[in-house]
Protein backbone atom coordinates (compact mmCIF):
# COMPACT_ATOMS: atom_id res chain seq x y z
CA MET A 1 0.00 0.00 0.00
CA THR A 2 1.23 3.49 -0.81
CA LYS A 3 2.42 5.49 2.13
CA THR A 4 1.46 9.15 2.42
CA LEU A 5 4.12 11.30 4.03
CA TYR A 6 3.22 14.85 5.06
CA VAL A 7 6.25 17.14 4.90
CA PHE A 8 7.37 20.71 4.29
CA THR A 9 10.55 21.87 2.62
CA ARG A 10 11.72 23.94 5.58
CA SER A 11 10.79 21.57 8.38
CA VAL A 12 13.78 20.15 10.20
CA TRP A 13 11.96 17.07 11.45
CA ALA A 14 10.04 16.38 8.24
CA SER A 15 13.36 16.39 6.45
CA VAL A 16 14.52 13.56 8.72
CA ALA A 17 11.75 11.40 7.24
CA GLU A 18 12.61 12.55 3.71
CA LEU A 19 16.22 11.55 4.27
CA ALA A 20 15.04 8.16 5.52
CA VAL A 21 12.99 7.60 2.36
CA ALA A 22 15.98 8.54 0.19
CA GLU A 23 18.31 6.19 2.05
CA LEU A 24 15.99 3.22 2.50
CA GLY A 25 15.46 2.29 -1.13
CA TYR A 26 11.79 3.09 -1.57
CA LYS A 27 10.77 3.04 -5.22
CA GLU A 28 8.92 5.84 -6.97
CA GLY A 29 5.25 5.71 -6.08
CA GLU A 30 5.71 3.75 -2.86
CA VAL A 31 5.73 6.97 -0.83
CA THR A 32 3.48 9.87 -1.79
CA PHE A 33 4.62 13.22 -0.46
CA LYS A 34 2.08 15.85 0.54
CA SER A 35 3.27 19.33 1.45
CA ILE A 36 1.81 21.08 4.48
CA ASN A 37 2.92 24.71 4.27
CA LEU A 38 4.13 25.74 7.72
CA VAL A 39 4.63 29.35 6.64
CA GLU A 40 0.91 29.52 5.93
CA SER A 41 0.19 27.51 9.13
CA GLU A 42 -1.58 24.77 7.18
CA ASN A 43 -0.60 22.38 9.97
CA LEU A 44 -3.09 24.21 12.23
CA ALA A 45 -6.06 23.72 9.92
CA PRO A 46 -8.85 21.53 11.35
CA SER A 47 -8.55 19.27 8.32
CA PHE A 48 -4.93 18.44 9.12
CA LEU A 49 -5.55 18.22 12.86
CA LYS A 50 -8.03 15.44 12.11
CA ILE A 51 -5.07 13.49 10.72
CA ASN A 52 -2.56 14.50 13.38
CA PRO A 53 -4.03 16.26 16.44
CA ASN A 54 -0.52 17.46 17.32
CA GLY A 55 -0.32 19.53 14.14
CA THR A 56 3.28 18.44 13.61
CA LEU A 57 5.44 17.20 10.75
CA PRO A 58 6.36 14.67 9.63
CA THR A 59 3.13 12.68 9.67
CA LEU A 60 2.77 9.33 7.95
CA GLU A 61 -0.35 7.45 6.85
CA SER A 62 0.38 3.79 6.16
CA ASP A 63 -1.78 0.66 6.12
CA GLY A 64 -4.63 2.37 7.91
CA GLN A 65 -2.45 3.78 10.67
CA VAL A 66 -1.24 7.30 11.31
CA TYR A 67 2.21 7.92 12.74
CA LYS A 68 2.33 11.31 14.42
CA SER A 69 5.88 11.91 15.67
CA THR A 70 9.22 11.96 13.90
CA ALA A 71 10.38 8.90 15.82
CA GLU A 72 7.21 6.96 14.98
CA VAL A 73 7.35 7.97 11.33
CA THR A 74 10.96 6.98 10.74
CA ALA A 75 10.53 3.75 12.70
CA ALA A 76 7.61 2.81 10.43
CA LEU A 77 9.63 3.70 7.33
CA VAL A 78 12.58 1.65 8.57
CA LYS A 79 10.36 -1.34 9.37
CA ASP A 80 8.84 -1.52 5.88
CA ALA A 81 11.90 -0.43 3.88
CA PRO A 82 13.42 -2.42 1.01
CA ILE A 83 16.87 -1.69 2.47
CA LYS A 84 17.18 -2.94 6.02
CA VAL A 85 18.99 -0.84 8.61
CA LYS A 86 19.21 -0.88 12.37
CA PRO A 87 16.15 0.48 14.18
CA GLY A 88 16.56 3.54 16.36
CA SER A 89 17.93 3.60 19.88
CA GLU A 90 17.71 5.91 22.89
CA ILE A 91 19.80 8.37 20.87
CA ILE A 92 16.60 9.49 19.12
CA GLU A 93 14.95 10.39 22.41
CA THR A 94 18.06 12.35 23.40
CA ILE A 95 18.22 14.33 20.16
CA HIS A 96 14.50 15.21 20.44
CA ASP A 97 14.76 16.43 24.03
CA ALA A 98 13.14 19.86 24.28
CA LYS A 99 16.26 21.26 25.91
CA TYR A 100 18.05 20.83 22.57
CA ASP A 101 15.14 22.07 20.40
CA PRO A 102 16.61 22.99 16.98
CA ASN A 103 13.70 25.30 16.15
CA PHE A 104 14.19 27.54 19.17
CA ALA A 105 17.91 27.51 18.34
CA LEU A 106 16.98 29.19 15.06
CA PHE A 107 14.71 31.84 16.59
CA LEU A 108 16.69 32.69 19.71
CA ALA A 109 18.34 36.05 20.32
CA ARG A 110 20.55 36.71 23.35
CA ASN A 111 20.71 40.49 23.16
CA ASP A 112 19.45 43.51 21.25
CA THR A 113 22.09 43.12 18.55
CA GLU A 114 21.10 39.54 17.77
CA LEU A 115 17.42 40.44 17.88
CA ALA A 116 17.93 43.29 15.40
CA PHE A 117 19.81 40.90 13.14
CA LYS A 118 17.00 38.35 13.30
CA ARG A 119 14.43 41.06 12.48
CA ASN A 120 16.28 41.90 9.28
CA ALA A 121 17.52 38.44 8.30
CA ASN A 122 16.19 36.93 5.08
CA GLY A 123 14.23 40.05 4.22
CA GLY A 124 12.49 40.15 7.60
CA PHE A 125 11.30 36.57 7.22
CA PHE A 126 10.77 35.88 10.93
CA GLU A 127 8.39 38.82 11.24
CA VAL A 128 6.52 37.72 8.12
CA TYR A 129 6.20 34.21 9.52
CA VAL A 130 4.83 35.18 12.93
CA ASN A 131 2.45 37.71 11.33
CA LYS A 132 1.05 35.05 9.01
CA ARG A 133 0.72 32.65 11.91
CA LYS A 134 -1.13 35.27 13.96
CA ALA A 135 -3.62 35.89 11.19
CA VAL A 136 -4.35 32.18 10.88
CA LEU A 137 -4.64 31.62 14.62
CA ASP A 138 -6.93 34.64 15.06
CA ARG A 139 -9.16 33.42 12.24
CA LEU A 140 -9.34 29.86 13.46
CA SER A 141 -9.95 30.89 17.07
CA ALA A 142 -12.99 32.87 15.95
CA ASP A 143 -14.31 30.18 13.62
CA PRO A 144 -17.38 28.41 15.10
CA GLU A 145 -16.41 25.25 13.23
CA ALA A 146 -13.08 25.20 15.08
CA GLU A 147 -14.60 25.80 18.52
CA ALA A 148 -13.61 22.32 19.69
CA LEU A 149 -9.97 23.17 18.98
CA LYS A 150 -9.90 26.42 20.96
CA ALA A 151 -7.87 24.84 23.76
CA PHE A 152 -5.30 23.84 21.14
CA TYR A 153 -5.11 27.28 19.54
CA GLU A 154 -5.01 29.55 22.60
CA PRO A 155 -1.55 28.64 23.95
CA LYS A 156 -0.15 28.84 20.44
CA LYS A 157 -1.64 32.33 20.09
CA THR A 158 0.02 33.41 23.33
CA GLU A 159 3.39 32.05 22.27
CA ASN A 160 3.15 33.56 18.79
CA ASP A 161 2.06 36.97 20.12
CA GLY A 162 5.16 37.01 22.29
CA LEU A 163 7.39 36.34 19.29
CA LEU A 164 5.54 38.90 17.21
CA ALA A 165 6.17 41.59 19.81
CA LEU A 166 9.86 40.76 19.76
CA PHE A 167 10.22 40.76 15.97
CA THR A 168 8.20 43.96 15.50
CA GLY A 169 10.06 45.88 18.20
CA LYS A 170 7.00 46.17 20.45
CA ALA A 171 8.15 43.93 23.28
CA SER A 172 8.60 45.44 26.73
CA GLU A 173 12.07 45.55 28.24
CA GLU A 174 10.96 42.91 30.74
CA HIS A 175 9.75 40.62 27.97
CA LYS A 176 12.97 41.09 26.01
CA ALA A 177 15.09 40.40 29.09
CA GLY A 178 13.24 37.16 29.71
CA PHE A 179 13.62 36.10 26.09
CA PHE A 180 17.32 36.97 26.09
CA ALA A 181 17.86 34.89 29.24
CA SER A 182 15.96 31.92 27.81
CA SER A 183 17.89 32.25 24.57
CA GLN A 184 21.25 32.27 26.32
CA ALA A 185 20.32 29.22 28.37
CA HIS A 186 19.19 27.37 25.26
CA PHE A 187 22.29 28.39 23.32
CA ASP A 188 24.45 27.00 26.11
CA ARG A 189 22.52 23.71 26.21
CA VAL A 190 22.80 23.24 22.45
CA LYS A 191 26.50 24.03 22.57
CA GLY A 192 26.83 21.41 25.29
CA ALA A 193 25.06 18.91 23.06
CA VAL A 194 27.45 19.57 20.17
CA PHE A 195 30.57 19.43 22.34
CA GLU A 196 29.64 16.83 24.94
CA VAL A 197 26.56 14.79 23.99
CA LEU A 198 27.20 14.06 20.29
CA PRO A 199 30.80 12.84 20.75
CA GLY A 200 29.46 10.33 23.26
CA PHE A 201 27.61 8.37 20.60
CA LEU A 202 29.28 9.29 17.31
CA PRO A 203 31.59 6.55 15.92
CA ASP A 204 35.22 6.91 14.91
CA SER A 205 34.30 5.62 11.45
CA GLY A 206 31.18 4.81 9.49
CA PHE A 207 27.82 5.92 10.83
CA ILE A 208 26.13 5.50 14.18
CA ASP A 209 24.24 2.48 12.94
CA GLY A 210 27.02 0.90 10.86
CA GLU A 211 28.50 1.27 7.39
CA ALA A 212 25.30 2.93 6.12
CA PRO A 213 23.11 5.46 7.92
CA GLY A 214 20.32 4.03 10.05
CA ASP A 215 17.41 5.44 12.01
CA ASP A 216 19.63 7.14 14.60
CA ASP A 217 21.65 8.84 11.88
CA PHE A 218 18.59 10.31 10.16
CA HIS A 219 17.65 12.18 13.33
CA VAL A 220 21.17 13.25 14.29
CA VAL A 221 21.97 14.55 10.80
CA GLY A 222 18.74 16.56 10.69
CA TRP A 223 19.35 18.06 14.10
CA LEU A 224 23.01 18.89 13.52
CA THR A 225 22.36 20.56 10.19
CA ARG A 226 19.66 22.78 11.66
CA ILE A 227 21.99 23.70 14.50
CA ALA A 228 24.63 24.69 11.95
CA ALA A 229 22.00 26.78 10.17
CA SER A 230 21.15 28.50 13.45
CA THR A 231 24.76 29.70 13.66
CA GLY A 232 24.59 31.18 10.16
CA ALA A 233 25.67 28.28 7.94
CA THR A 234 24.47 28.38 4.35
CA SER A 235 26.27 25.30 3.01
CA ALA A 236 28.09 22.15 4.03
CA ASP A 237 31.30 24.02 3.25
CA ASP A 238 30.80 26.66 5.94
CA GLY A 239 28.81 24.69 8.52
CA LEU A 240 31.74 23.74 10.71
CA ALA A 241 33.23 27.22 10.49
CA THR A 242 30.02 28.98 11.54
CA MET A 243 29.52 26.63 14.50
CA GLU A 244 33.10 27.17 15.60
CA ALA A 245 32.74 30.94 15.29
CA ALA A 246 29.49 30.93 17.27
CA TYR A 247 30.75 28.59 19.98
CA GLY A 248 34.26 30.02 20.24
CA ALA A 249 36.09 26.73 19.81
CA PRO A 250 36.74 24.01 17.21
CA VAL A 251 33.97 21.43 17.17
CA PRO A 252 35.05 18.00 18.46
CA ALA A 253 36.89 15.84 15.94
CA LYS A 254 34.12 13.21 15.91
CA VAL A 255 31.52 15.84 15.02
CA ALA A 256 33.68 17.31 12.25
CA THR A 257 34.40 13.87 10.81
CA TYR A 258 30.75 12.85 10.93
CA TRP A 259 29.74 16.08 9.19
CA GLY A 260 32.09 15.38 6.30
CA ARG A 261 31.07 11.74 6.13
CA MET A 262 27.38 12.59 5.74
CA ASP A 263 28.13 15.25 3.15
CA ARG A 264 29.98 12.69 1.04
CA ARG A 265 27.17 10.19 1.57
CA THR A 266 24.47 12.48 0.20
CA ALA A 267 26.50 13.00 -2.94
CA GLN A 268 26.41 9.23 -3.52
CA LEU A 269 22.63 8.84 -3.33
CA GLU A 270 20.83 7.80 -6.51
CA GLU A 271 18.91 11.07 -6.26
CA PRO A 272 21.32 13.39 -4.43
CA MET A 273 19.85 15.81 -1.93
CA ASP A 274 19.75 19.27 -3.48
CA PHE A 275 18.70 22.20 -1.33
CA THR A 276 18.60 24.49 -4.36
CA SER A 277 15.74 22.47 -5.87
CA GLY A 278 13.33 23.56 -3.18
CA VAL A 279 13.19 20.07 -1.70
CA THR A 280 14.88 20.74 1.61
CA HIS A 281 16.29 17.58 3.07
CA THR A 282 17.90 18.58 6.33
CA CYS A 283 21.23 16.87 5.88
CA VAL A 284 24.76 17.96 5.23
CA THR A 285 24.83 18.90 1.56
CA LYS A 286 25.16 21.94 -0.64
CA LYS A 287 22.83 24.45 0.98
CA ILE A 288 21.14 24.74 4.34
CA ASP A 289 17.65 26.15 4.56
CA ASN A 290 17.12 28.36 7.60
CA PHE A 291 13.65 27.62 8.86
CA SER A 292 11.83 25.43 11.33
């Protein structure tokens, strides 16, 4: 039966599932991709929430079941794949821990200078994004047909309004100070993950799961690439340099070696990952797309 995989080109976690499909030998037509535009907040629409009440990507429909988290989705893809690889381990839970959230790593700002940079980056994209999200949330919250989902929308409205105030320069000094403190704490935790957590499970050679990437690798590669993007990387060529500049020290040798290994691996795929095509697989390749 054809699998339906819901993704978006700029979603870090959806790209983990896309990388899995590319690596696992699925033939054309065995996986149907459906795009859910996160910029337009299509993941918050009642129609999508009927499929995945979490409103998250990736989401997979397969054999009458719906898999709603990244871990569940990739595990299902691994289980049914033509190419057999090792199933995931506790590494996946570690890399998905909220304290290492790669999306907040992208949005964070630790001071006024970084916040001003984020406001202007990519043509003011962050402000555009939160404005679009606000419009959708306001509309859905007032829609009688979405009344049953009000409890789902309200906390998201509160969170988005806070970001909107920051990116439009309307946040109070107290709000900015709190955001700066949270950002610094998160930055430090992510740095700790790159320098202390990753080297603990990265191999000296090959991939985490053996000679070829397995389930653990799909998640780690996606996470690490988004972290590089959060430090300003735009390609595999400058990813290590931007992380080292941001963190003030060379990345551990195992991390640097793994980065290069995955970059070479993507070039060997039958259909190489190409960020310039608009299909954004979050892996180490030619261009990194900076969005959640």
